[in-house]
């Protein structure tokens, strides 16, 4: 899956692929802003571990997802 595209056709992917894509996009956005994980985690009010897990897998609570977007 290409992370540079803005629109994703969800019906073409599995839930695992969609979750992974969300994680990649959060990471790419963080890096474009030159933020360390610790900085984004503090700004979003989540733990570094939650952010790291989300970036790697796209999995986490809905609350973590909302705080990161």
Protein backbone atom coordinates (compact mmCIF):
# COMPACT_ATOMS: atom_id res chain seq x y z
CA UNK A 1 0.00 0.00 0.00
CA UNK A 2 1.31 3.43 -0.84
CA UNK A 3 1.33 5.89 2.07
CA UNK A 4 1.61 9.00 -0.08
CA UNK A 5 -1.94 8.78 -1.42
CA UNK A 6 -4.58 10.65 0.55
CA UNK A 7 -7.60 8.48 -0.27
CA UNK A 8 -7.81 4.80 0.51
CA UNK A 9 -10.52 2.53 -0.82
CA UNK A 10 -11.26 0.56 2.32
CA UNK A 11 -13.33 -2.07 0.56
CA UNK A 12 -10.20 -3.35 -1.19
CA UNK A 13 -8.18 -4.11 1.96
CA UNK A 14 -8.37 -6.27 5.06
CA UNK A 15 -8.87 -4.70 8.48
CA UNK A 16 -5.24 -5.51 9.34
CA UNK A 17 -4.03 -3.69 6.22
CA UNK A 18 -6.19 -0.66 6.99
CA UNK A 19 -4.93 -0.51 10.58
CA UNK A 20 -1.32 -0.79 9.40
CA UNK A 21 -1.89 2.02 6.90
CA UNK A 22 -3.27 4.30 9.63
CA UNK A 23 -0.17 3.61 11.70
CA UNK A 24 2.12 4.40 8.78
CA UNK A 25 0.31 7.65 8.08
CA UNK A 26 0.51 8.79 11.72
CA UNK A 27 4.25 8.06 11.70
CA UNK A 28 4.80 9.81 8.35
CA UNK A 29 2.90 12.87 9.58
CA UNK A 30 4.94 12.95 12.81
CA UNK A 31 8.20 12.74 10.88
CA UNK A 32 7.12 15.48 8.45
CA UNK A 33 6.67 17.71 11.48
CA UNK A 34 10.12 16.72 12.81
CA UNK A 35 8.62 15.43 16.06
CA UNK A 36 10.05 12.70 18.26
CA UNK A 37 7.64 10.08 19.52
CA UNK A 38 7.98 11.53 23.01
CA UNK A 39 6.91 14.98 21.76
CA UNK A 40 3.86 13.76 19.87
CA UNK A 41 2.85 11.46 22.71
CA UNK A 42 3.01 14.36 25.17
CA UNK A 43 1.04 16.66 22.86
CA UNK A 44 -1.61 14.00 22.24
CA UNK A 45 -1.84 12.93 25.87
CA UNK A 46 -0.92 9.29 25.23
CA UNK A 47 1.99 7.18 26.40
CA UNK A 48 5.04 6.73 24.20
CA UNK A 49 4.36 3.01 24.24
CA UNK A 50 0.81 3.54 22.92
CA UNK A 51 2.12 5.77 20.15
CA UNK A 52 4.90 3.36 19.26
CA UNK A 53 2.47 0.44 19.13
CA UNK A 54 0.00 2.42 17.04
CA UNK A 55 2.64 3.51 14.53
CA UNK A 56 3.92 -0.04 14.21
CA UNK A 57 0.61 -1.90 14.03
CA UNK A 58 -2.17 0.65 13.65
CA UNK A 59 -3.83 -0.97 16.63
CA UNK A 60 -4.89 0.75 19.81
CA UNK A 61 -7.93 2.10 21.54
CA UNK A 62 -10.30 4.40 19.73
CA UNK A 63 -9.31 7.11 22.22
CA UNK A 64 -5.63 6.79 21.22
CA UNK A 65 -6.60 6.95 17.56
CA UNK A 66 -8.65 10.12 18.07
CA UNK A 67 -5.89 11.78 20.08
CA UNK A 68 -3.33 11.07 17.35
CA UNK A 69 -5.28 12.34 14.36
